[in-house]
Structures are given as C-alpha cells and as structure tokens.
Amino acid sequence: MRLANIDGRTALRLADGYLDVEAASDGRFGPDPQGLFADWEAFTHWAGEYLRADPAGRAAPTTPVAGAPFGPPVPRPAQVFAVGLNYRDHVAESGLQIPTEPAVFTKFPSSLTGHEQAVTLPEGLVDWEAELVLVIGRHCHRATRETAWSHVAGVTVGQDLSERRLQLTGPAPQFSLAKSYPGFAPTGPELVTVDELADPDDLELGCMLEDGEVLQKSRTSNMIFDVRELVVRLSAVCPLLPGDLVFTGTPAGVGGARNPQKFLAPGDTLVTWIEGVGTLRNPMLAP
C-alpha cells in the first residue's frame, strides 16, 4: 500500500492514479493523513480489502495530482527521532570511531516538508543527508528484534538537511537546532508499507543534483544499527507512538566531509531516492 498527502488530504495510490481516502471510505476515515494513525489497524484492514476488490467495484481515481502540492506523508508527528553516524563509511569520512550506541537527536516537526516543495536556504553551509525514514504505526515500548518491524507502519524517503556552521557552534554540537530550519526535513512522496518491499533491510538509497551529479549512493544493509536494532534501542527508553518518525542515518558522501567541501546553493534541485520506495525532489531557493 502506498499513501500520499496531496493538498492536505490522504490519497491511496492505485495503478492509474490516486484515490481520495475520505471519499472512497464514505467518511469512515477522514482526510487528515495524521489521523490515520489513531486506528492504523482498522485503516490497513479497510485499505487492504479495498485494494483486493474487483476494480469494477472501486471508485475511479479522483485526486487531482497535476499542480496539487505533496505534503509530508506524516505531517504532524508527536516525536521525530534521528540517528547520526549509522553507516560505517560515513563514520570513516567523519574521522570518528564506530559507535557502540546509536547517536540520537531530534528534528523538530516544524522542519517537515514534502515532495516538490522548495527549501529556502538560510545563511550558512547547508549539507545533504539521504535517509530511510521509518513511520511508527503501533505503540511500541521495549520492543524485541523479533517484534520490531511489526511496529512500523511503513517507510518513506527523507533528507536530514543540516546547516553545518550552527551544528558545530559552541562547546557542544547543536545537532537538533541546525537540522530543524523550515524545510530541513523533506519526506515523501509516499508512505510505503513494508509488505511492498522485497527486502526492507536491504534497499539502495542515495541522492543527486538534478544536473546529474551523484552525491550519495549506498544500501541500507550497510547500517551499523539496522532497523530492528534502532526500534529496540529507542523503545527501550522512549515509548514510540503511532505516527512518530525515525530518520535512520545517512551513508558517506556528505558535502562537509569532501575535499574541497561542497554545499547546497540556490538554484540546486536535490533528488533523493530509495529503491522500491520512491524519489523525492526539492528545489533550493536563496534566503
């Protein structure tokens, strides 16, 4: 199942377009994408039955896609977790030691934006970080490795944009603040449920500039702490709530680790992809 936030309304992907969920469910599920997580089990049951139905008995796609803005698939999460230094090649390019515990910080929800949405660059040095983003679907506290994936509603493509000057200001790094300017958490274009993926633990991901320059390319199987381990370790401390997001880390290729360094500039368009999940596109604008 693939879900999008189109013009603030939940849209279910069909083979030939998108369907407005509120209309298709006769109002059983409202238009708000965040509202689905209040009863994710019921929604997935309804959607599964709907998608398995004879196409002749289903409504035609009704959501206008052309020109309609794609918002973040999960627009108002209660908690947004993010993990640093979670790929060995990124640890190496950073000149650090392999961590024995996940390096966890937060991105504030006001930084979320969607597919094809422009990001206004602040003054400073704005870097890219392509990431697999987990969407929590079921309350999770003290999960085990065996149960971890069962708490995940799906995944989406994400960028952990980072302003490096502010990040490194002061006696201690300012991770959360430097990564939470408006638009610094693009996600989308869709939430993709785990059953859509042949191997959710081994997906190619990366990002490039629209002119063709590849910036990052790796596989999620190269994580130090895989999805199961992240869910286990996060939920050992904080209950994970339906609709929460987890940015799972980025591989090598960030601009701040290059020689010479390279950062995003007005006029760039950042294209981020994850195999089987989708492609996220975000133009960069001048301050």
Protein backbone atom coordinates (compact mmCIF):
# COMPACT_ATOMS: atom_id res chain seq x y z
CA MET A 1 0.00 0.00 0.00
CA ARG A 2 1.20 3.49 -0.87
CA LEU A 3 -0.23 6.63 0.69
CA ALA A 4 0.39 10.27 -0.10
CA ASN A 5 -0.56 13.61 1.39
CA ILE A 6 -1.92 15.54 -1.58
CA ASP A 7 -3.08 19.05 -0.84
CA GLY A 8 -3.51 18.10 2.84
CA ARG A 9 -5.68 15.06 2.13
CA THR A 10 -4.89 11.36 2.40
CA ALA A 11 -4.61 9.73 -1.02
CA LEU A 12 -4.33 5.99 -1.71
CA ARG A 13 -2.21 5.02 -4.68
CA LEU A 14 -3.87 2.93 -7.38
CA ALA A 15 -2.28 1.63 -10.56
CA ASP A 16 -3.65 4.55 -12.55
CA GLY A 17 -3.58 7.40 -10.05
CA TYR A 18 -4.58 8.36 -6.51
CA LEU A 19 -7.86 7.97 -4.68
CA ASP A 20 -9.19 10.30 -2.01
CA VAL A 21 -9.50 8.13 1.12
CA GLU A 22 -12.30 10.09 2.77
CA ALA A 23 -14.45 9.82 -0.34
CA ALA A 24 -13.62 6.16 -1.01
CA SER A 25 -14.38 5.14 2.58
CA ASP A 26 -17.64 7.13 2.71
CA GLY A 27 -16.22 9.23 5.52
CA ARG A 28 -15.12 6.33 7.73
CA PHE A 29 -11.60 7.74 7.55
CA GLY A 30 -11.14 11.49 7.45
CA PRO A 31 -8.96 13.50 5.11
CA ASP A 32 -6.13 14.21 7.59
CA PRO A 33 -3.07 11.98 6.91
CA GLN A 34 -2.05 12.18 10.57
CA GLY A 35 -5.46 11.00 11.69
CA LEU A 36 -4.94 7.56 10.16
CA PHE A 37 -2.58 6.59 12.96
CA ALA A 38 -5.31 6.85 15.58
CA ASP A 39 -6.57 3.50 14.28
CA TRP A 40 -3.91 2.24 11.89
CA GLU A 41 -5.04 -1.39 12.20
CA ALA A 42 -8.57 -0.57 11.09
CA PHE A 43 -7.35 1.59 8.25
CA THR A 44 -4.94 -1.00 6.87
CA HIS A 45 -7.66 -3.65 7.04
CA TRP A 46 -10.08 -1.41 5.10
CA ALA A 47 -7.43 -0.40 2.55
CA GLY A 48 -6.35 -4.00 2.01
CA GLU A 49 -9.91 -5.08 1.37
CA TYR A 50 -10.46 -2.14 -0.93
CA LEU A 51 -7.34 -2.86 -2.99
CA ARG A 52 -8.22 -6.55 -3.28
CA ALA A 53 -11.72 -5.78 -4.50
CA ASP A 54 -12.73 -6.16 -8.13
CA PRO A 55 -11.58 -2.97 -9.86
CA ALA A 56 -15.04 -2.61 -11.35
CA GLY A 57 -16.37 -2.15 -7.84
CA ARG A 58 -13.90 0.53 -6.89
CA ALA A 59 -14.17 4.25 -7.37
CA ALA A 60 -12.09 5.84 -10.10
CA PRO A 61 -9.09 7.89 -9.03
CA THR A 62 -10.32 11.33 -8.10
CA THR A 63 -7.39 13.18 -6.53
CA PRO A 64 -6.03 15.83 -8.89
CA VAL A 65 -2.25 15.32 -8.95
CA ALA A 66 -1.17 17.88 -11.53
CA GLY A 67 -0.24 21.03 -9.63
CA ALA A 68 -1.51 19.75 -6.28
CA PRO A 69 1.14 20.02 -3.56
CA PHE A 70 2.50 16.85 -1.96
CA GLY A 71 2.86 17.44 1.76
CA PRO A 72 4.88 15.20 4.06
CA PRO A 73 3.12 11.81 4.31
CA VAL A 74 3.18 12.20 8.11
CA PRO A 75 2.64 15.93 8.68
CA ARG A 76 2.44 16.27 12.49
CA PRO A 77 4.36 13.51 14.28
CA ALA A 78 4.48 13.71 18.07
CA GLN A 79 8.14 12.69 18.02
CA VAL A 80 10.84 12.80 15.35
CA PHE A 81 13.94 10.76 16.16
CA ALA A 82 17.10 10.92 14.10
CA VAL A 83 20.25 8.83 14.20
CA GLY A 84 23.75 10.05 13.38
CA LEU A 85 26.81 8.06 12.33
CA ASN A 86 24.85 4.94 11.40
CA TYR A 87 26.81 3.88 8.29
CA ARG A 88 30.40 2.71 8.57
CA ASP A 89 31.56 4.66 5.51
CA HIS A 90 30.03 7.87 6.92
CA VAL A 91 31.77 7.28 10.26
CA ALA A 92 35.05 6.82 8.39
CA GLU A 93 34.67 10.01 6.34
CA SER A 94 33.88 11.87 9.58
CA GLY A 95 37.14 10.63 11.16
CA LEU A 96 35.36 9.06 14.14
CA GLN A 97 35.15 5.67 15.81
CA ILE A 98 32.35 3.16 15.16
CA PRO A 99 29.71 3.93 17.83
CA THR A 100 28.61 1.30 20.31
CA GLU A 101 25.28 3.09 20.88
CA PRO A 102 23.16 4.97 18.34
CA ALA A 103 23.83 8.72 18.30
CA VAL A 104 20.27 10.02 18.71
CA PHE A 105 18.96 13.56 18.31
CA THR A 106 15.68 15.08 17.15
CA LYS A 107 14.47 17.12 14.22
CA PHE A 108 11.64 19.40 15.27
CA PRO A 109 8.34 18.73 13.44
CA SER A 110 8.17 22.28 12.10
CA SER A 111 11.06 21.35 9.76
CA LEU A 112 8.92 18.87 7.80
CA THR A 113 8.06 19.50 4.17
CA GLY A 114 7.06 17.41 1.18
CA HIS A 115 7.88 16.33 -2.35
CA GLU A 116 8.48 19.10 -4.90
CA GLN A 117 8.42 21.66 -2.09
CA ALA A 118 11.12 24.32 -2.23
CA VAL A 119 13.53 24.81 0.66
CA THR A 120 14.73 28.33 1.42
CA LEU A 121 18.38 28.08 2.34
CA PRO A 122 19.43 30.01 5.45
CA GLU A 123 22.78 31.75 5.67
CA GLY A 124 25.49 29.19 6.28
CA LEU A 125 26.59 25.84 4.87
CA VAL A 126 23.65 23.55 4.09
CA ASP A 127 24.51 19.89 3.61
CA TRP A 128 22.50 16.92 2.34
CA GLU A 129 21.88 13.57 4.07
CA ALA A 130 19.76 10.96 2.26
CA GLU A 131 17.91 8.73 4.73
CA LEU A 132 15.38 5.93 5.08
CA VAL A 133 12.63 7.21 7.39
CA LEU A 134 10.53 4.85 9.47
CA VAL A 135 6.89 5.61 10.27
CA ILE A 136 5.67 4.03 13.50
CA GLY A 137 2.20 2.51 13.20
CA ARG A 138 1.70 0.76 16.53
CA HIS A 139 2.58 1.82 20.07
CA CYS A 140 5.97 0.41 20.92
CA HIS A 141 7.74 0.18 24.29
CA ARG A 142 10.60 -2.23 24.93
CA ALA A 143 10.34 -3.96 21.58
CA THR A 144 12.38 -7.04 20.76
CA ARG A 145 14.22 -7.67 17.49
CA GLU A 146 11.57 -10.24 16.63
CA THR A 147 8.71 -7.75 17.00
CA ALA A 148 10.43 -4.55 15.85
CA TRP A 149 9.25 -4.45 12.22
CA SER A 150 5.65 -5.19 13.31
CA HIS A 151 5.51 -1.74 14.92
CA VAL A 152 6.48 0.01 11.68
CA ALA A 153 3.60 1.26 9.53
CA GLY A 154 5.88 1.88 6.59
CA VAL A 155 8.83 3.83 5.30
CA THR A 156 9.40 6.94 3.25
CA VAL A 157 12.26 8.82 1.61
CA GLY A 158 13.82 11.57 3.70
CA GLN A 159 16.52 14.21 3.79
CA ASP A 160 18.21 15.31 7.00
CA LEU A 161 19.30 18.73 5.75
CA SER A 162 21.92 20.25 8.05
CA GLU A 163 23.42 23.71 8.44
CA ARG A 164 26.98 22.86 9.43
CA ARG A 165 28.10 26.20 10.91
CA LEU A 166 25.38 26.23 13.55
CA GLN A 167 25.77 22.48 14.07
CA LEU A 168 29.39 22.98 15.16
CA THR A 169 28.88 26.20 17.13
CA GLY A 170 29.56 26.29 20.85
CA PRO A 171 31.15 23.90 23.30
CA ALA A 172 28.70 21.14 22.31
CA PRO A 173 27.25 20.39 18.85
CA GLN A 174 23.86 21.92 18.02
CA PHE A 175 22.53 18.92 16.09
CA SER A 176 18.79 19.37 16.60
CA LEU A 177 18.70 23.13 16.05
CA ALA A 178 20.98 23.08 12.99
CA LYS A 179 18.84 20.39 11.39
CA SER A 180 15.45 21.99 12.01
CA TYR A 181 15.22 25.11 9.86
CA PRO A 182 11.93 25.27 7.91
CA GLY A 183 12.01 22.67 5.16
CA PHE A 184 15.02 20.81 6.58
CA ALA A 185 13.11 17.51 6.84
CA PRO A 186 11.72 16.77 3.38
CA THR A 187 9.87 13.44 3.28
CA GLY A 188 7.80 11.62 0.69
CA PRO A 189 6.37 11.47 -1.81
CA GLU A 190 4.64 8.42 -0.31
CA LEU A 191 4.43 6.29 2.80
CA VAL A 192 5.08 2.74 1.58
CA THR A 193 4.03 -0.20 3.75
CA VAL A 194 6.68 -2.83 4.45
CA ASP A 195 4.87 -5.59 2.54
CA GLU A 196 5.55 -3.66 -0.69
CA LEU A 197 9.31 -4.20 -0.31
CA ALA A 198 11.09 -7.41 -1.32
CA ASP A 199 13.73 -6.95 1.40
CA PRO A 200 13.13 -3.94 3.67
CA ASP A 201 16.56 -4.49 5.28
CA ASP A 202 18.48 -4.04 2.02
CA LEU A 203 17.42 -1.06 -0.09
CA GLU A 204 19.54 1.15 -2.30
CA LEU A 205 19.39 4.80 -1.32
CA GLY A 206 21.14 7.96 -2.37
CA CYS A 207 20.80 11.48 -3.64
CA MET A 208 21.98 13.57 -6.55
CA LEU A 209 21.67 17.03 -8.00
CA GLU A 210 19.22 17.34 -10.85
CA ASP A 211 22.12 18.13 -13.21
CA GLY A 212 23.20 14.50 -12.81
CA GLU A 213 25.94 14.73 -10.15
CA VAL A 214 25.53 11.78 -7.77
CA LEU A 215 26.26 12.82 -4.18
CA GLN A 216 25.47 9.66 -2.19
CA LYS A 217 24.77 6.03 -3.08
CA SER A 218 24.67 3.08 -0.69
CA ARG A 219 22.39 0.38 0.71
CA THR A 220 20.50 0.25 3.98
CA SER A 221 22.13 -3.12 4.69
CA ASN A 222 25.28 -1.09 5.45
CA MET A 223 23.74 0.41 8.59
CA ILE A 224 25.65 -0.15 11.84
CA PHE A 225 22.36 -0.38 13.77
CA ASP A 226 19.72 -1.86 11.49
CA VAL A 227 16.02 -1.01 11.65
CA ARG A 228 15.28 -3.71 14.19
CA GLU A 229 18.08 -2.57 16.46
CA LEU A 230 17.04 1.08 16.25
CA VAL A 231 13.45 0.26 17.21
CA VAL A 232 14.70 -1.91 20.09
CA ARG A 233 17.10 0.70 21.46
CA LEU A 234 14.84 3.72 21.04
CA SER A 235 11.82 1.98 22.53
CA ALA A 236 13.88 0.77 25.49
CA VAL A 237 13.93 4.42 26.61
CA CYS A 238 11.04 6.24 24.90
CA PRO A 239 7.69 4.74 24.00
CA LEU A 240 7.32 5.09 20.24
CA LEU A 241 3.88 6.45 19.32
CA PRO A 242 1.76 5.85 16.22
CA GLY A 243 2.77 8.43 13.64
CA ASP A 244 6.28 9.01 15.03
CA LEU A 245 9.17 9.27 12.57
CA VAL A 246 12.67 7.80 12.80
CA PHE A 247 15.37 9.12 10.46
CA THR A 248 17.76 6.16 10.36
CA GLY A 249 21.05 7.77 9.33
CA THR A 250 22.96 8.65 6.18
CA PRO A 251 25.80 6.99 4.25
CA ALA A 252 29.07 8.52 3.05
CA GLY A 253 29.17 11.39 0.59
CA VAL A 254 28.04 14.38 2.64
CA GLY A 255 29.37 17.72 1.46
CA GLY A 256 31.08 18.70 4.71
CA ALA A 257 33.37 15.65 4.54
CA ARG A 258 34.59 16.36 0.99
CA ASN A 259 37.85 17.97 -0.01
CA PRO A 260 37.07 20.60 -1.08
CA GLN A 261 33.81 20.86 0.79
CA LYS A 262 30.60 21.25 -1.20
CA PHE A 263 27.23 22.55 -0.03
CA LEU A 264 23.80 23.25 -1.48
CA ALA A 265 23.30 26.52 -3.34
CA PRO A 266 20.28 28.47 -4.60
CA GLY A 267 19.18 27.00 -7.90
CA ASP A 268 20.16 23.45 -6.98
CA THR A 269 17.50 20.76 -7.02
CA LEU A 270 18.16 17.85 -4.69
CA VAL A 271 16.81 14.48 -5.83
CA THR A 272 16.72 11.69 -3.21
CA TRP A 273 15.73 8.10 -3.89
CA ILE A 274 15.22 4.78 -2.14
CA GLU A 275 14.76 1.59 -4.09
CA GLY A 276 11.14 0.50 -4.15
CA VAL A 277 10.06 3.47 -2.02
CA GLY A 278 10.24 6.48 -4.29
CA THR A 279 12.01 9.63 -5.40
CA LEU A 280 11.84 12.92 -3.51
CA ARG A 281 12.63 16.21 -5.28
CA ASN A 282 13.32 19.56 -3.58
CA PRO A 283 14.48 22.81 -5.23
CA MET A 284 16.72 25.12 -3.19
CA LEU A 285 15.97 28.84 -3.01
CA ALA A 286 18.01 31.86 -1.98
CA PRO A 287 17.46 33.31 1.53
